[in-house]
Amino acid sequence: MLLVDDAFRLPDIYHRYADKSDHYISTSFGKYESVVSMKDSRRHAYHRKMIAGPYSFTNIKKMEHLVDARMSVWINKIDLLFARTGAKFDFAPWAIFMAYDVISDVAFGAPFGFVQSGTDIGGLIQGFHDYLPAFGFLGRMYPFTRFVKSTWLGKRYLTPKPEDNSGIGVLMRFRDKLLAQRLTAIEAGETSGRPDFLQSFLDARTEDDKPLEMDYIKAEILLILIAGADTTGTAFQGIIHHLVAEPIVYNKLMAEIDAATLAGHLSHMPQYHEVQQHCPYYVACVKESMRLHPSAPSIFPRIVSKGGMIIDGKFVPEGMEVTAHVWLVHRDVDVYGEDAEVFRPERWLESKEKAALFDKYSMGFGHGTRMCLGKELAMMELHKGPLQFLRRFRFEEVPGERVSTYVVKGGIASWRDIWLRIGGRAPA
């Protein structure tokens, strides 16, 4: 495998016809693959076209009121348990609780219930994190994985099943329960007409006007549960970590948020377009945090296409694995400058040309035609949750507690120990 750290080579590596390598074998959890697992670029394009509609900005915008409702529940719970009592708490799991409840409600019509219970129900989140080291190992050791998966041993122990008591199996059970409930409701004519991803998948049709196969729908649903919540929660954690660590940035940001609020530019629950238009420094903080501490600081290998390619004057033969690494690309001094290691949101506001360059060579949501379908939903959440938390609460670190830590398992990141003490904040 050839690792490339030059951000300017991303378009060459991740071009439209680049096939994925067998590294992605660990993202396939059954007979049917999701769009993330599909290696062949043409097959991926065919399936992506069928399911892209629900992920479009136009469709996500229709669901914004659902996101707002979940955010309000989360803010009220944080207020009740911690702001009014003054009790210290670890913010890290609460960011994840919010993200999981949003994605499950928007995608399937029902929140997991993490926020309401204040706990990791059924160990679902912990189960996912426990699986991550194996996820990373199996992907990187794919010749071994491919062989073992074909044996009875692999089918029994390496392939997640709904009957499993931990890991991906817990998510599979939740998925199957929601799917069964929806199919029963459809049969009884009791659906509400409420927009969500599940109904969009059930309504989707192939080019032959046939419904999608149920096992394929299950694969896509599982992908949303796995990829759509945890990574967004991690981004939320990172934003708060950086603001706690950078008081000058925090004060500058709060001045912008308060000014936008006083001018009437922000609704009681900020709307996506309002934040984009009236809070440029906030948007810059979100992007800068995700640049320095991405949710998936990993490799994303592709197979060099027919004819090979030239990188830095050297020939790379067809069939070879080539990849960029998010952590390295996001710190490329030729793109971000000599201070690429520094958290400096101002870099995104210095010029439109620079900001466009940063966006072009970002890998926060992947790159090229395989960019994450859930990007718009994730960014909508990140334009609301952190901002509303900042508007409603003042916060401070808890002396004597462990320092917040960025942890990477199997190429997926999360934060630990963001210990805060919060209080209500007077409206601007």
Protein backbone atom coordinates (compact mmCIF):
# COMPACT_ATOMS: atom_id res chain seq x y z
CA MET A 1 0.00 0.00 0.00
CA LEU A 2 1.29 3.44 -0.93
CA LEU A 3 0.52 6.22 1.58
CA VAL A 4 0.39 9.72 0.09
CA ASP A 5 0.51 12.77 2.38
CA ASP A 6 0.09 15.41 -0.36
CA ALA A 7 -3.43 16.89 -0.20
CA PHE A 8 -3.16 18.09 -3.80
CA ARG A 9 -3.15 14.47 -4.98
CA LEU A 10 -6.61 13.70 -3.57
CA PRO A 11 -8.42 14.22 -6.92
CA ASP A 12 -5.98 11.79 -8.57
CA ILE A 13 -6.43 9.08 -5.92
CA TYR A 14 -10.18 9.47 -5.40
CA HIS A 15 -11.35 9.97 -8.96
CA ARG A 16 -14.78 8.90 -10.23
CA TYR A 17 -13.70 5.48 -11.51
CA ALA A 18 -11.39 4.50 -8.64
CA ASP A 19 -12.37 1.16 -7.12
CA LYS A 20 -12.04 0.54 -3.41
CA SER A 21 -9.67 -2.13 -2.14
CA ASP A 22 -10.49 -5.17 0.00
CA HIS A 23 -9.66 -3.00 3.01
CA TYR A 24 -13.41 -2.31 3.17
CA ILE A 25 -14.24 -5.95 3.88
CA SER A 26 -14.64 -5.05 7.55
CA THR A 27 -17.47 -2.61 6.70
CA SER A 28 -19.62 -5.43 5.32
CA PHE A 29 -21.72 -7.13 7.98
CA GLY A 30 -23.65 -9.69 6.00
CA LYS A 31 -24.49 -11.05 2.58
CA TYR A 32 -25.56 -7.62 1.25
CA GLU A 33 -23.22 -4.64 1.17
CA SER A 34 -24.07 -1.02 1.83
CA VAL A 35 -22.79 1.68 -0.54
CA VAL A 36 -19.77 2.16 1.73
CA SER A 37 -18.69 -1.47 1.30
CA MET A 38 -19.08 -1.65 -2.48
CA LYS A 39 -15.66 -1.81 -4.10
CA ASP A 40 -16.60 -1.49 -7.77
CA SER A 41 -17.10 2.17 -8.72
CA ARG A 42 -19.84 1.43 -11.27
CA ARG A 43 -21.82 -0.74 -8.87
CA HIS A 44 -21.46 1.94 -6.21
CA ALA A 45 -22.70 4.65 -8.58
CA TYR A 46 -25.76 2.56 -9.51
CA HIS A 47 -26.81 1.99 -5.88
CA ARG A 48 -25.89 5.48 -4.70
CA LYS A 49 -28.18 6.96 -7.33
CA MET A 50 -31.12 4.92 -5.98
CA ILE A 51 -30.71 6.06 -2.36
CA ALA A 52 -29.21 9.55 -2.76
CA GLY A 53 -32.56 11.37 -2.68
CA PRO A 54 -33.21 11.09 1.07
CA TYR A 55 -29.73 12.46 1.81
CA SER A 56 -30.06 15.55 -0.41
CA PHE A 57 -30.04 18.96 1.21
CA THR A 58 -33.59 19.57 -0.03
CA ASN A 59 -34.84 16.48 1.79
CA ILE A 60 -32.74 17.07 4.91
CA LYS A 61 -34.15 20.59 5.12
CA LYS A 62 -37.65 19.11 5.32
CA MET A 63 -36.53 17.17 8.40
CA GLU A 64 -35.02 20.15 10.20
CA HIS A 65 -37.98 20.44 12.59
CA LEU A 66 -37.32 16.85 13.69
CA VAL A 67 -33.70 17.71 14.46
CA ASP A 68 -34.89 20.81 16.34
CA ALA A 69 -37.22 18.74 18.52
CA ARG A 70 -34.44 16.33 19.53
CA MET A 71 -32.05 19.23 20.23
CA SER A 72 -34.63 20.84 22.50
CA VAL A 73 -35.09 17.64 24.49
CA TRP A 74 -31.31 17.35 24.87
CA ILE A 75 -30.85 20.98 25.97
CA ASN A 76 -33.69 20.72 28.51
CA LYS A 77 -32.24 17.53 29.96
CA ILE A 78 -28.78 19.07 30.31
CA ASP A 79 -30.38 22.10 31.98
CA LEU A 80 -32.37 20.00 34.43
CA LEU A 81 -29.60 17.63 35.46
CA PHE A 82 -26.54 19.87 35.48
CA ALA A 83 -27.18 23.61 34.99
CA ARG A 84 -29.77 23.87 37.76
CA THR A 85 -27.90 21.61 40.16
CA GLY A 86 -24.33 22.72 39.48
CA ALA A 87 -23.28 19.08 39.34
CA LYS A 88 -20.15 18.27 37.36
CA PHE A 89 -20.52 15.90 34.42
CA ASP A 90 -18.60 14.36 31.57
CA PHE A 91 -19.85 16.09 28.44
CA ALA A 92 -18.38 13.41 26.13
CA PRO A 93 -21.15 10.78 26.43
CA TRP A 94 -23.89 13.43 26.36
CA ALA A 95 -22.74 14.63 22.94
CA ILE A 96 -22.96 11.04 21.71
CA PHE A 97 -26.41 10.57 23.31
CA MET A 98 -27.68 13.59 21.40
CA ALA A 99 -26.28 12.44 18.07
CA TYR A 100 -27.69 8.91 18.40
CA ASP A 101 -31.16 10.15 19.36
CA VAL A 102 -31.21 12.60 16.44
CA ILE A 103 -30.16 10.05 13.84
CA SER A 104 -32.55 7.35 15.05
CA ASP A 105 -35.48 9.77 15.17
CA VAL A 106 -34.76 11.39 11.79
CA ALA A 107 -33.92 8.08 10.13
CA PHE A 108 -36.52 5.76 11.66
CA GLY A 109 -39.13 7.80 13.47
CA ALA A 110 -38.08 6.93 17.03
CA PRO A 111 -35.21 8.10 19.26
CA PHE A 112 -33.04 5.51 20.94
CA GLY A 113 -33.87 7.17 24.27
CA PHE A 114 -30.31 7.82 25.42
CA VAL A 115 -31.01 11.45 26.33
CA GLN A 116 -34.14 10.69 28.30
CA SER A 117 -32.50 7.88 30.27
CA GLY A 118 -29.12 9.58 30.55
CA THR A 119 -27.47 6.20 30.02
CA ASP A 120 -26.09 3.97 27.29
CA ILE A 121 -29.21 1.83 26.92
CA GLY A 122 -28.37 -1.83 26.49
CA GLY A 123 -24.69 -0.98 26.19
CA LEU A 124 -25.33 -0.16 22.53
CA ILE A 125 -22.75 2.62 22.22
CA GLN A 126 -20.15 0.77 24.28
CA GLY A 127 -20.78 -2.32 22.17
CA PHE A 128 -19.96 -0.38 19.02
CA HIS A 129 -16.76 1.03 20.54
CA ASP A 130 -15.72 -2.41 21.79
CA TYR A 131 -15.93 -3.66 18.20
CA LEU A 132 -13.72 -0.92 16.73
CA PRO A 133 -10.28 -2.50 17.36
CA ALA A 134 -11.44 -5.63 15.54
CA PHE A 135 -12.94 -3.45 12.80
CA GLY A 136 -9.59 -1.78 12.17
CA PHE A 137 -7.59 -5.01 12.40
CA LEU A 138 -9.85 -6.95 10.04
CA GLY A 139 -9.74 -4.19 7.42
CA ARG A 140 -5.98 -3.87 7.45
CA MET A 141 -5.47 -7.66 7.46
CA TYR A 142 -8.01 -8.30 4.71
CA PRO A 143 -6.30 -11.35 3.13
CA PHE A 144 -6.65 -13.09 6.49
CA THR A 145 -10.14 -11.69 7.00
CA ARG A 146 -11.36 -12.79 3.59
CA PHE A 147 -10.15 -16.34 4.22
CA VAL A 148 -11.46 -16.63 7.77
CA LYS A 149 -14.86 -15.16 6.85
CA SER A 150 -15.33 -18.00 4.37
CA THR A 151 -14.94 -20.63 7.10
CA TRP A 152 -17.48 -21.74 9.71
CA LEU A 153 -15.30 -20.09 12.35
CA GLY A 154 -15.52 -16.73 10.61
CA LYS A 155 -19.23 -17.00 9.97
CA ARG A 156 -19.79 -17.74 13.64
CA TYR A 157 -17.39 -15.32 15.30
CA LEU A 158 -16.39 -12.61 12.78
CA THR A 159 -19.76 -11.90 11.20
CA PRO A 160 -22.05 -9.83 13.46
CA LYS A 161 -25.54 -11.22 13.98
CA PRO A 162 -28.68 -9.81 15.65
CA GLU A 163 -28.37 -12.57 18.24
CA ASP A 164 -25.05 -11.20 19.51
CA ASN A 165 -25.13 -9.61 22.96
CA SER A 166 -22.55 -6.95 22.15
CA GLY A 167 -21.01 -4.95 19.31
CA ILE A 168 -22.78 -4.52 15.98
CA GLY A 169 -25.31 -7.22 16.89
CA VAL A 170 -27.00 -4.86 19.36
CA LEU A 171 -27.49 -2.30 16.59
CA MET A 172 -28.82 -5.01 14.29
CA ARG A 173 -31.52 -5.91 16.80
CA PHE A 174 -32.61 -2.30 17.11
CA ARG A 175 -32.71 -1.99 13.32
CA ASP A 176 -34.76 -5.16 12.91
CA LYS A 177 -37.24 -4.06 15.58
CA LEU A 178 -37.84 -0.69 13.90
CA LEU A 179 -38.14 -2.27 10.47
CA ALA A 180 -40.65 -4.86 11.70
CA GLN A 181 -42.72 -2.13 13.38
CA ARG A 182 -42.77 -0.05 10.20
CA LEU A 183 -43.75 -2.96 7.96
CA THR A 184 -46.56 -3.90 10.37
CA ALA A 185 -47.80 -0.30 10.38
CA ILE A 186 -47.75 -0.17 6.56
CA GLU A 187 -49.70 -3.41 6.38
CA ALA A 188 -52.30 -2.03 8.78
CA GLY A 189 -52.47 1.32 6.96
CA GLU A 190 -51.30 3.15 10.07
CA THR A 191 -48.27 5.07 8.81
CA SER A 192 -48.16 8.75 9.73
CA GLY A 193 -46.63 10.04 6.51
CA ARG A 194 -43.78 11.48 8.57
CA PRO A 195 -40.63 11.86 6.42
CA ASP A 196 -37.69 9.66 7.39
CA PHE A 197 -34.93 7.62 5.78
CA LEU A 198 -36.53 4.26 6.44
CA GLN A 199 -39.69 5.15 4.54
CA SER A 200 -37.60 6.61 1.72
CA PHE A 201 -35.73 3.32 1.36
CA LEU A 202 -38.97 1.35 1.39
CA ASP A 203 -40.43 3.65 -1.28
CA ALA A 204 -37.29 3.68 -3.46
CA ARG A 205 -37.32 1.82 -6.77
CA THR A 206 -34.65 0.39 -9.04
CA GLU A 207 -34.33 1.36 -12.70
CA ASP A 208 -36.69 -1.55 -13.40
CA ASP A 209 -39.26 0.01 -11.04
CA LYS A 210 -38.81 -2.73 -8.45
CA PRO A 211 -38.50 -2.16 -4.69
CA LEU A 212 -35.08 -2.50 -3.11
CA GLU A 213 -34.31 -5.91 -1.66
CA MET A 214 -35.02 -6.05 2.06
CA ASP A 215 -31.54 -7.32 2.94
CA TYR A 216 -30.03 -4.38 1.07
CA ILE A 217 -32.30 -1.96 2.94
CA LYS A 218 -31.13 -3.57 6.18
CA ALA A 219 -27.50 -2.99 5.16
CA GLU A 220 -28.14 0.71 4.49
CA ILE A 221 -30.08 1.15 7.73
CA LEU A 222 -27.23 -0.38 9.69
CA LEU A 223 -24.79 1.96 7.94
CA ILE A 224 -26.81 4.97 9.09
CA LEU A 225 -26.81 3.72 12.68
CA ILE A 226 -23.08 3.02 12.65
CA ALA A 227 -21.74 5.93 10.62
CA GLY A 228 -24.40 8.57 11.15
CA ALA A 229 -24.33 9.07 14.90
CA ASP A 230 -21.02 8.32 16.52
CA THR A 231 -18.95 10.41 14.12
CA THR A 232 -21.22 13.45 14.50
CA GLY A 233 -21.07 13.11 18.28
CA THR A 234 -17.27 13.05 18.09
CA ALA A 235 -17.24 16.27 16.06
CA PHE A 236 -19.51 17.88 18.69
CA GLN A 237 -17.14 16.75 21.46
CA GLY A 238 -14.17 18.20 19.59
CA ILE A 239 -15.78 21.62 19.19
CA ILE A 240 -16.40 21.93 22.93
CA HIS A 241 -12.88 20.64 23.72
CA HIS A 242 -11.29 23.34 21.59
CA LEU A 243 -13.45 26.12 23.00
CA VAL A 244 -12.61 25.10 26.56
CA ALA A 245 -8.91 25.08 25.66
CA GLU A 246 -9.00 28.39 23.74
CA PRO A 247 -10.63 31.15 25.85
CA ILE A 248 -9.76 33.89 23.32
CA VAL A 249 -11.54 31.99 20.55
CA TYR A 250 -14.46 31.30 22.89
CA ASN A 251 -14.91 34.97 23.81
CA LYS A 252 -14.73 36.06 20.17
CA LEU A 253 -17.26 33.41 19.22
CA MET A 254 -19.70 34.34 21.97
CA ALA A 255 -19.55 37.98 20.88
CA GLU A 256 -20.62 36.92 17.39
CA ILE A 257 -23.41 34.64 18.65
CA ASP A 258 -24.77 37.29 21.02
CA ALA A 259 -24.68 39.96 18.31
CA ALA A 260 -26.56 37.68 15.89
CA THR A 261 -29.12 36.90 18.59
CA LEU A 262 -29.66 40.58 19.50
CA ALA A 263 -30.09 41.46 15.84
CA GLY A 264 -32.84 38.85 15.53
CA HIS A 265 -30.88 36.77 13.04
CA LEU A 266 -31.13 33.52 15.03
CA SER A 267 -34.36 31.73 15.87
CA HIS A 268 -35.04 30.29 19.31
CA MET A 269 -33.59 27.08 17.89
CA PRO A 270 -31.02 28.23 15.30
CA GLN A 271 -31.82 27.24 11.75
CA TYR A 272 -29.13 25.85 9.47
CA HIS A 273 -29.31 28.69 6.95
CA GLU A 274 -29.33 31.35 9.71
CA VAL A 275 -26.08 30.08 11.19
CA GLN A 276 -24.40 29.82 7.80
CA GLN A 277 -25.40 33.38 6.92
CA HIS A 278 -24.95 35.21 10.21
CA CYS A 279 -22.33 33.27 12.20
CA PRO A 280 -19.27 32.90 9.96
CA TYR A 281 -16.84 32.62 12.88
CA TYR A 282 -18.91 29.82 14.40
CA VAL A 283 -18.88 27.94 11.07
CA ALA A 284 -15.11 28.46 10.93
CA CYS A 285 -14.73 27.01 14.44
CA VAL A 286 -16.70 23.91 13.43
CA LYS A 287 -14.57 23.38 10.31
CA GLU A 288 -11.30 24.02 12.11
CA SER A 289 -12.16 21.58 14.90
CA MET A 290 -13.09 18.87 12.37
CA ARG A 291 -9.87 19.57 10.46
CA LEU A 292 -7.58 19.07 13.44
CA HIS A 293 -9.52 16.26 15.08
CA PRO A 294 -11.49 14.39 12.40
CA SER A 295 -14.02 11.75 13.41
CA ALA A 296 -12.40 9.12 11.17
CA PRO A 297 -8.62 9.75 11.14
CA SER A 298 -7.88 6.77 8.95
CA ILE A 299 -6.80 5.47 5.57
CA PHE A 300 -9.28 5.09 2.69
CA PRO A 301 -7.52 2.93 0.08
CA ARG A 302 -8.26 2.83 -3.63
CA ILE A 303 -6.95 0.57 -6.38
CA VAL A 304 -4.82 2.28 -9.01
CA SER A 305 -6.77 2.16 -12.26
CA LYS A 306 -5.71 0.74 -15.61
CA GLY A 307 -2.58 2.36 -16.98
CA GLY A 308 -1.21 3.29 -13.57
CA MET A 309 -0.54 6.81 -12.32
CA ILE A 310 2.33 9.18 -11.66
CA ILE A 311 2.85 10.53 -8.13
CA ASP A 312 5.78 12.85 -7.38
CA GLY A 313 7.43 11.82 -10.62
CA LYS A 314 7.26 8.11 -9.82
CA PHE A 315 5.14 5.52 -11.62
CA VAL A 316 2.58 3.64 -9.54
CA PRO A 317 1.37 0.50 -11.36
CA GLU A 318 -2.28 -0.41 -11.83
CA GLY A 319 -3.71 -2.74 -9.22
CA MET A 320 -1.67 -1.26 -6.37
CA GLU A 321 -3.35 0.12 -3.28
CA VAL A 322 -2.93 3.84 -2.78
CA THR A 323 -4.39 6.01 -0.05
CA ALA A 324 -4.26 9.34 1.71
CA HIS A 325 -4.61 9.63 5.48
CA VAL A 326 -7.04 12.18 6.87
CA TRP A 327 -4.77 13.19 9.77
CA LEU A 328 -1.85 13.94 7.43
CA VAL A 329 -3.87 15.67 4.70
CA HIS A 330 -5.55 17.97 7.21
CA ARG A 331 -2.11 19.10 8.41
CA ASP A 332 -0.55 19.69 4.99
CA VAL A 333 1.40 22.95 5.34
CA ASP A 334 1.19 23.53 1.58
CA VAL A 335 -2.56 23.90 2.00
CA TYR A 336 -3.04 25.30 5.51
CA GLY A 337 0.24 27.13 6.05
CA GLU A 338 3.09 26.70 8.50
CA ASP A 339 0.69 26.88 11.45
CA ALA A 340 -1.32 23.88 10.19
CA GLU A 341 -1.01 22.22 13.62
CA VAL A 342 -2.63 25.19 15.37
CA PHE A 343 -6.34 25.64 16.09
CA ARG A 344 -6.97 28.95 14.32
CA PRO A 345 -10.52 29.38 12.96
CA GLU A 346 -9.56 32.72 11.41
CA ARG A 347 -7.78 30.90 8.58
CA TRP A 348 -11.20 30.03 7.10
CA LEU A 349 -12.18 33.71 6.95
CA GLU A 350 -9.00 35.28 5.56
CA SER A 351 -10.15 34.97 1.94
CA LYS A 352 -12.79 33.19 -0.10
CA GLU A 353 -10.04 31.65 -2.22
CA LYS A 354 -8.34 30.10 0.83
CA ALA A 355 -11.59 28.81 2.26
CA ALA A 356 -12.47 27.21 -1.09
CA LEU A 357 -9.03 25.57 -1.17
CA PHE A 358 -9.47 24.18 2.35
CA ASP A 359 -12.89 22.77 1.46
CA LYS A 360 -11.61 21.27 -1.79
CA TYR A 361 -8.85 19.28 -0.08
CA SER A 362 -10.72 18.30 3.06
CA MET A 363 -11.31 14.63 3.87
CA GLY A 364 -13.61 15.16 6.83
CA PHE A 365 -16.45 13.47 4.93
CA GLY A 366 -14.32 11.55 2.46
CA HIS A 367 -13.45 12.81 -0.99
CA GLY A 368 -14.78 12.73 -4.51
CA THR A 369 -17.86 10.86 -5.71
CA ARG A 370 -17.87 8.64 -2.62
CA MET A 371 -18.15 11.50 -0.18
CA CYS A 372 -20.33 10.65 2.83
CA LEU A 373 -24.03 10.77 1.94
CA GLY A 374 -24.88 11.93 5.46
CA LYS A 375 -22.78 15.10 5.30
CA GLU A 376 -25.72 17.52 5.14
CA LEU A 377 -27.48 15.96 8.13
CA ALA A 378 -24.28 15.93 10.18
CA MET A 379 -23.54 19.57 9.37
CA MET A 380 -27.11 20.55 10.22
CA GLU A 381 -26.70 18.98 13.66
CA LEU A 382 -23.33 20.68 14.16
CA HIS A 383 -24.79 24.06 13.19
CA LYS A 384 -27.41 23.65 15.94
CA GLY A 385 -26.34 21.54 18.91
CA PRO A 386 -23.04 23.17 19.87
CA LEU A 387 -24.33 26.68 19.13
CA GLN A 388 -27.45 26.24 21.23
CA PHE A 389 -25.39 24.74 24.05
CA LEU A 390 -23.14 27.83 23.94
CA ARG A 391 -26.12 30.22 23.93
CA ARG A 392 -27.84 28.56 26.86
CA PHE A 393 -24.96 27.70 29.17
CA ARG A 394 -21.73 29.10 30.50
CA PHE A 395 -19.24 26.37 31.34
CA GLU A 396 -15.88 25.75 32.92
CA GLU A 397 -13.48 22.87 33.34
CA VAL A 398 -13.60 20.89 36.56
CA PRO A 399 -10.28 21.17 38.45
CA GLY A 400 -8.79 17.83 39.46
CA GLU A 401 -10.61 15.77 36.84
CA ARG A 402 -8.89 13.91 34.02
CA VAL A 403 -7.93 15.98 30.99
CA SER A 404 -9.97 15.48 27.81
CA THR A 405 -8.38 12.92 25.50
CA TYR A 406 -8.78 12.18 21.80
CA VAL A 407 -8.86 8.40 21.35
CA VAL A 408 -8.64 6.47 18.07
CA LYS A 409 -9.73 2.84 17.74
CA GLY A 410 -9.77 1.07 14.41
CA GLY A 411 -9.59 4.37 12.54
CA ILE A 412 -12.62 5.86 14.36
CA ALA A 413 -12.14 8.63 16.92
CA SER A 414 -13.91 9.75 20.06
CA TRP A 415 -13.22 11.98 23.06
CA ARG A 416 -13.03 11.01 26.71
CA ASP A 417 -13.27 13.00 29.91
CA ILE A 418 -14.62 16.40 28.88
CA TRP A 419 -15.52 17.26 32.46
CA LEU A 420 -17.58 20.43 32.80
CA ARG A 421 -19.57 22.38 35.30
CA ILE A 422 -22.27 24.50 33.67
CA GLY A 423 -24.76 27.17 34.63
CA GLY A 424 -27.53 29.05 32.92
CA ARG A 425 -26.51 31.93 30.72
CA ALA A 426 -28.45 35.18 30.52
CA PRO A 427 -30.08 35.69 27.12
CA ALA A 428 -28.27 38.16 24.84
